[in-house]
Protein backbone atom coordinates (compact mmCIF):
# COMPACT_ATOMS: atom_id res chain seq x y z
CA MET A 1 63.50 72.38 57.21
CA SER A 2 61.13 74.73 59.02
CA ALA A 3 59.92 74.01 62.52
CA VAL A 4 56.49 73.18 61.09
CA GLY A 5 57.92 70.46 58.91
CA GLY A 6 60.08 68.94 61.61
CA ALA A 7 59.70 67.63 65.11
CA GLY A 8 59.96 69.67 68.27
CA GLY A 9 57.90 71.99 70.35
CA TRP A 10 57.67 75.13 68.22
CA ARG A 11 54.10 75.65 69.40
CA SER A 12 55.24 75.73 73.01
CA GLU A 13 58.02 78.18 72.16
CA VAL A 14 55.71 80.58 70.31
CA ALA A 15 53.05 80.36 73.01
CA ALA A 16 55.65 81.07 75.71
CA ALA A 17 56.62 84.30 73.94
CA VAL A 18 53.09 85.69 73.79
CA ARG A 19 50.55 86.86 76.33
CA GLY A 20 47.00 86.03 75.35
CA GLU A 21 44.98 83.04 74.24
CA CYS A 22 46.87 80.20 72.53
CA ARG A 23 44.96 77.16 71.23
CA ARG A 24 46.43 74.11 69.52
CA ASP A 25 44.58 72.39 66.67
CA GLU A 26 41.81 74.95 66.87
CA PRO A 27 38.93 74.51 64.37
CA LEU A 28 38.71 77.48 62.02
CA ALA A 29 35.43 76.76 60.23
CA PRO A 30 33.36 78.46 62.99
CA ARG A 31 35.58 81.54 62.61
CA THR A 32 34.86 82.00 58.90
CA SER A 33 31.70 83.40 57.34
CA ILE A 34 31.23 80.37 55.06
CA ARG A 35 31.82 77.91 57.94
CA VAL A 36 34.31 75.75 56.01
CA GLY A 37 37.85 74.57 56.75
CA GLY A 38 40.12 72.57 59.02
CA PRO A 39 42.11 73.48 62.14
CA ALA A 40 45.00 75.83 62.82
CA ASP A 41 48.18 74.25 64.17
CA LEU A 42 48.25 77.11 66.67
CA LEU A 43 45.69 79.91 67.00
CA ILE A 44 46.83 82.98 68.93
CA ARG A 45 44.70 85.88 70.16
CA PRO A 46 47.38 88.30 71.45
CA ALA A 47 46.75 90.40 74.53
CA GLY A 48 48.46 93.57 73.26
CA LEU A 49 50.43 95.17 70.47
CA GLY A 50 53.72 93.98 71.97
CA ASP A 51 52.44 90.42 71.86
CA VAL A 52 51.71 90.70 68.15
CA VAL A 53 55.32 91.76 67.58
CA ALA A 54 56.61 89.01 69.91
CA CYS A 55 54.55 86.39 68.07
CA LEU A 56 55.87 87.49 64.68
CA ALA A 57 59.44 87.58 65.99
CA ALA A 58 59.22 84.10 67.54
CA ALA A 59 57.68 82.66 64.38
CA ARG A 60 60.42 84.19 62.24
CA ARG A 61 63.13 82.86 64.52
CA LEU A 62 61.64 79.35 64.41
CA GLY A 63 60.88 79.36 60.68
CA VAL A 64 57.14 79.05 61.26
CA PRO A 65 54.65 80.59 58.80
CA VAL A 66 52.13 83.12 60.12
CA THR A 67 48.62 83.63 58.75
CA LEU A 68 46.35 86.49 59.81
CA LEU A 69 42.64 85.77 60.15
CA GLY A 70 40.40 88.82 60.30
CA GLY A 71 36.63 88.51 60.51
CA GLY A 72 36.68 85.38 58.37
CA ALA A 73 34.83 86.91 55.39
CA ASN A 74 36.22 86.42 51.88
CA VAL A 75 38.54 83.61 52.97
CA LEU A 76 38.45 79.89 52.26
CA VAL A 77 40.35 77.70 54.71
CA ALA A 78 41.67 74.38 53.40
CA ASP A 79 40.02 71.19 54.61
CA ARG A 80 43.42 70.12 55.99
CA GLY A 81 43.68 73.35 57.95
CA VAL A 82 46.45 75.92 58.24
CA ARG A 83 50.02 75.05 59.11
CA GLY A 84 51.94 77.28 61.50
CA VAL A 85 50.52 80.16 63.51
CA VAL A 86 47.16 81.79 62.84
CA VAL A 87 46.83 85.22 64.46
CA LYS A 88 43.33 86.45 65.28
CA LEU A 89 43.25 89.96 66.76
CA PRO A 90 40.66 90.52 69.48
CA PRO A 91 38.30 93.47 68.91
CA ASP A 92 39.69 95.37 71.91
CA LEU A 93 43.42 95.12 71.14
CA GLY A 94 44.20 98.72 72.08
CA GLU A 95 41.91 101.56 73.03
CA GLU A 96 39.87 103.81 70.74
CA ARG A 97 41.38 107.25 70.18
CA ILE A 98 39.32 110.21 69.01
CA ALA A 99 40.80 113.54 67.91
CA GLY A 100 38.16 115.73 66.34
CA GLU A 101 37.14 114.08 63.05
CA LEU A 102 39.94 111.50 63.25
CA LEU A 103 38.91 108.09 64.61
CA SER A 104 41.62 105.58 65.52
CA LEU A 105 40.14 102.13 66.16
CA PRO A 106 41.59 98.66 66.86
CA ALA A 107 41.94 96.59 63.70
CA GLY A 108 40.12 93.66 65.28
CA ALA A 109 36.95 95.72 65.74
CA PRO A 110 34.07 94.94 63.37
CA ILE A 111 33.71 97.16 60.29
CA ALA A 112 30.35 98.36 61.59
CA ARG A 113 32.13 100.01 64.52
CA LEU A 114 33.49 102.85 62.34
CA PRO A 115 30.18 104.33 61.11
CA ALA A 116 28.51 103.61 64.47
CA ARG A 117 31.21 105.40 66.46
CA GLY A 118 31.13 108.22 63.95
CA HIS A 119 27.40 108.67 64.45
CA GLU A 120 27.91 108.89 68.21
CA LEU A 121 30.25 111.82 67.53
CA GLY A 122 28.02 113.51 64.96
CA LEU A 123 30.23 112.36 62.07
CA VAL A 124 29.28 110.75 58.75
CA GLY A 125 31.01 109.60 55.60
CA ALA A 126 31.30 105.82 56.05
CA GLU A 127 27.79 104.89 54.95
CA PHE A 128 29.16 102.64 52.18
CA LEU A 129 30.40 100.20 54.83
CA ALA A 130 26.85 99.28 55.88
CA GLY A 131 26.38 95.55 56.05
CA ILE A 132 29.93 94.58 55.04
CA PRO A 133 31.13 91.72 57.28
CA GLY A 134 34.61 91.42 58.74
CA THR A 135 37.04 93.54 60.74
CA LEU A 136 38.54 96.96 60.17
CA GLY A 137 41.98 95.43 59.70
CA GLY A 138 40.65 93.11 57.02
CA ALA A 139 38.84 96.05 55.44
CA ALA A 140 42.15 97.92 55.21
CA VAL A 141 43.98 94.95 53.70
CA MET A 142 41.21 94.37 51.11
CA ASN A 143 40.26 98.06 50.71
CA ALA A 144 36.71 96.92 51.39
CA GLY A 145 33.80 98.79 49.93
CA THR A 146 30.80 98.83 47.63
CA ARG A 147 29.78 100.69 44.50
CA ASP A 148 29.30 103.76 46.72
CA GLY A 149 32.81 103.96 48.16
CA GLU A 150 35.74 102.11 49.72
CA LEU A 151 37.69 102.30 52.94
CA GLY A 152 40.53 104.09 51.18
CA ASP A 153 38.20 107.08 50.73
CA VAL A 154 38.29 107.79 54.47
CA LEU A 155 41.49 106.01 55.55
CA VAL A 156 44.33 108.23 56.80
CA ARG A 157 46.88 105.70 58.05
CA VAL A 158 47.24 102.30 59.67
CA GLU A 159 49.41 100.92 62.42
CA LEU A 160 51.47 97.97 61.19
CA ALA A 161 53.21 95.38 63.35
CA THR A 162 56.13 93.31 62.07
CA ALA A 163 58.71 91.06 63.70
CA ASP A 164 60.88 94.17 64.12
CA GLY A 165 58.32 96.41 65.83
CA ALA A 166 55.27 98.55 65.11
CA GLY A 167 54.62 101.95 63.60
CA LEU A 168 52.21 104.11 61.61
CA VAL A 169 52.10 103.95 57.82
CA GLU A 170 50.33 106.61 55.75
CA ARG A 171 47.59 105.71 53.31
CA ALA A 172 49.69 106.70 50.27
CA ALA A 173 52.24 104.00 51.11
CA LEU A 174 49.70 101.18 51.27
CA GLY A 175 49.25 100.63 47.53
CA LEU A 176 45.47 100.64 47.74
CA GLY A 177 43.55 99.51 44.66
CA TYR A 178 40.25 97.88 43.85
CA ARG A 179 39.74 95.43 46.74
CA GLN A 180 43.45 95.15 47.41
CA SER A 181 46.50 96.69 49.04
CA ALA A 182 50.26 96.16 48.92
CA LEU A 183 51.27 95.79 52.55
CA PRO A 184 54.82 94.69 53.42
CA PRO A 185 55.13 90.88 53.60
CA GLY A 186 54.49 89.57 57.09
CA ALA A 187 52.95 92.83 58.36
CA VAL A 188 49.83 92.83 60.51
CA VAL A 189 47.42 95.77 60.60
CA THR A 190 46.75 96.45 64.28
CA ARG A 191 45.03 99.87 64.14
CA VAL A 192 43.07 101.82 61.55
CA GLU A 193 42.77 105.62 61.51
CA CYS A 194 39.99 107.22 59.46
CA ARG A 195 38.74 110.76 58.99
CA LEU A 196 34.99 111.33 58.83
CA ARG A 197 33.12 114.64 58.60
CA PRO A 198 30.33 116.43 60.45
CA GLY A 199 26.96 115.81 58.86
CA ASP A 200 23.35 114.73 59.12
CA VAL A 201 23.50 111.60 61.27
CA ALA A 202 19.79 110.81 60.82
CA ALA A 203 20.15 110.88 57.03
CA SER A 204 23.31 108.77 57.26
CA ARG A 205 21.55 106.14 59.38
CA ALA A 206 18.58 106.09 57.00
CA ALA A 207 20.87 105.56 54.00
CA MET A 208 22.64 102.70 55.77
CA GLU A 209 19.37 101.07 56.78
CA ALA A 210 18.10 101.30 53.19
CA ASP A 211 21.30 99.74 51.88
CA VAL A 212 21.12 96.86 54.37
CA ALA A 213 17.46 96.30 53.47
CA ARG A 214 18.39 96.14 49.78
CA ARG A 215 21.10 93.59 50.53
CA ARG A 216 18.65 91.45 52.48
CA ARG A 217 16.33 91.41 49.47
CA THR A 218 19.01 90.65 46.89
CA GLN A 219 21.66 88.61 48.71
CA PRO A 220 21.51 85.30 50.66
CA LEU A 221 22.45 86.85 53.99
CA SER A 222 20.71 84.11 55.99
CA GLN A 223 23.14 81.42 54.74
CA PRO A 224 26.88 81.02 55.35
CA SER A 225 28.83 82.53 52.45
CA PHE A 226 31.92 84.60 51.61
CA GLY A 227 29.89 87.53 50.45
CA SER A 228 30.74 88.19 46.81
CA THR A 229 33.00 85.50 45.35
CA PHE A 230 34.32 87.26 42.24
CA TRP A 231 35.17 90.87 41.52
CA ASN A 232 32.95 92.49 38.93
CA PRO A 233 34.95 92.55 35.66
CA PRO A 234 34.99 95.93 33.87
CA GLY A 235 31.63 96.45 32.21
CA HIS A 236 30.07 93.33 33.73
CA PHE A 237 28.47 91.97 36.88
CA ALA A 238 29.93 88.64 37.97
CA GLY A 239 26.58 87.32 39.20
CA ARG A 240 24.94 87.91 35.84
CA LEU A 241 27.79 86.17 34.02
CA ILE A 242 27.50 83.12 36.29
CA GLU A 243 23.74 83.08 35.72
CA GLN A 244 24.21 83.35 31.95
CA VAL A 245 26.26 80.13 31.87
CA GLY A 246 23.53 78.29 33.78
CA LEU A 247 25.17 77.93 37.17
CA LYS A 248 22.72 79.82 39.39
CA GLY A 249 21.52 77.21 41.90
CA HIS A 250 24.14 74.68 40.78
CA ARG A 251 25.69 72.69 43.61
CA VAL A 252 28.67 70.48 44.31
CA GLY A 253 28.25 68.55 47.53
CA ASP A 254 26.83 71.01 50.05
CA ALA A 255 28.22 74.10 48.31
CA MET A 256 25.89 75.94 45.92
CA TRP A 257 25.85 79.03 43.74
CA SER A 258 23.01 80.87 45.46
CA ASP A 259 19.63 80.96 43.74
CA VAL A 260 19.20 84.45 45.21
CA HIS A 261 22.45 86.01 43.91
CA ALA A 262 24.66 83.94 41.61
CA ASN A 263 27.95 85.53 42.78
CA PHE A 264 27.48 84.04 46.26
CA VAL A 265 28.61 80.52 47.13
CA VAL A 266 26.51 79.32 50.05
CA ASN A 267 27.16 76.46 52.46
CA LEU A 268 24.05 74.28 52.73
CA GLY A 269 25.35 72.68 55.90
CA GLY A 270 28.22 70.32 55.20
CA ALA A 271 30.26 71.94 52.43
CA THR A 272 33.98 71.30 52.18
CA ALA A 273 36.64 73.62 50.81
CA ARG A 274 37.04 71.18 47.93
CA ASP A 275 33.32 71.51 47.11
CA VAL A 276 33.62 75.29 47.12
CA LEU A 277 36.73 75.30 44.92
CA ALA A 278 35.01 73.01 42.43
CA LEU A 279 32.17 75.53 42.08
CA VAL A 280 34.51 78.50 41.82
CA ASN A 281 36.72 76.86 39.20
CA LEU A 282 33.71 75.66 37.19
CA ALA A 283 32.28 79.18 37.03
CA ARG A 284 35.62 80.68 36.05
CA ARG A 285 36.09 78.12 33.30
CA LEU A 286 32.58 78.31 31.80
CA VAL A 287 32.45 82.11 31.85
CA LYS A 288 35.79 82.25 30.07
CA GLU A 289 34.89 79.57 27.50
CA ARG A 290 31.37 80.74 26.69
CA LEU A 291 31.46 84.49 27.28
CA GLY A 292 35.14 85.33 26.89
CA VAL A 293 35.33 87.10 30.25
CA GLU A 294 38.00 86.43 32.89
CA LEU A 295 36.69 86.18 36.46
CA THR A 296 38.99 87.05 39.36
CA ALA A 297 38.14 85.76 42.84
CA GLU A 298 37.89 88.14 45.79
CA VAL A 299 38.32 85.13 48.06
CA ARG A 300 41.74 84.39 49.58
CA LEU A 301 42.81 80.77 50.03
CA LEU A 302 44.32 80.02 53.43
CA GLY A 303 46.10 76.86 54.44
CA ASP A 304 47.19 73.46 53.22
CA PHE A 305 45.51 73.01 49.84
CA THR A 306 46.69 70.11 47.69
CA ALA A 307 47.27 70.31 43.94
CA GLU A 308 44.24 68.05 43.53
CA ASP A 309 42.10 70.47 45.56
CA LEU A 310 43.13 73.41 43.38
CA GLN A 311 42.43 71.56 40.13
CA GLN A 312 38.84 70.64 40.98
């Protein structure tokens, strides 16, 4: 039996091995963009790279699962919370390093930091990241992007921490695909290195501002949500498919398919993870039955979901 399933003070042992902030039974809903979910058994914000490695090593030794929480976008935390350790990297875990056109930034920094820092240096090329929520580490794991580009277009390498240590891994070894990667199990991205290019910073800023303005007109950015819920299937737009089966504006409890953009689940104030899953599963089922198209969720499920939750 793992330490999580048994008695004992595994939380004290993990916390003793790590410098940084350690919180027991910490609510996770405020740390996610949709504001849904229960607590973490133990939330750790490590003080340095060595503490990430120490945390992973202690958890492995004790048989405790580890979950990484980035910026909280595109994740749904179970109502019963997350068992084991949840690692949340602070935005300043390690210093920024600049070498010409190569920017090396902490993985806990917000995605917006990359184009902003580039502009300060007269560099462009990351305009497609405008308005995407989350952290750079999460962006690397999900190969975040839009129709105009993805992080893999500018990514050079990442720093990965495991229970055995930390080191740099080149982009080619990350298995990047459409909104996904193939990182080694249990690895944590702690640093992201990207190459931008010299260019017209004023034009870059204008393009980003226009893109954000378009999103504000067409997406429910004023309400808690994941962002997009489903990937766009080849030849289709997920939001249009959901609208075609009559679900735009449909709600379960306090979760609703947005009446602004039907591929956004919004939290009207008191949504539960079970409410959200019921909406997601309903859309997937109706789109398959009526339109013959398979929808694949961008959203990752984190934590202690029951079989009943998943079958809603």
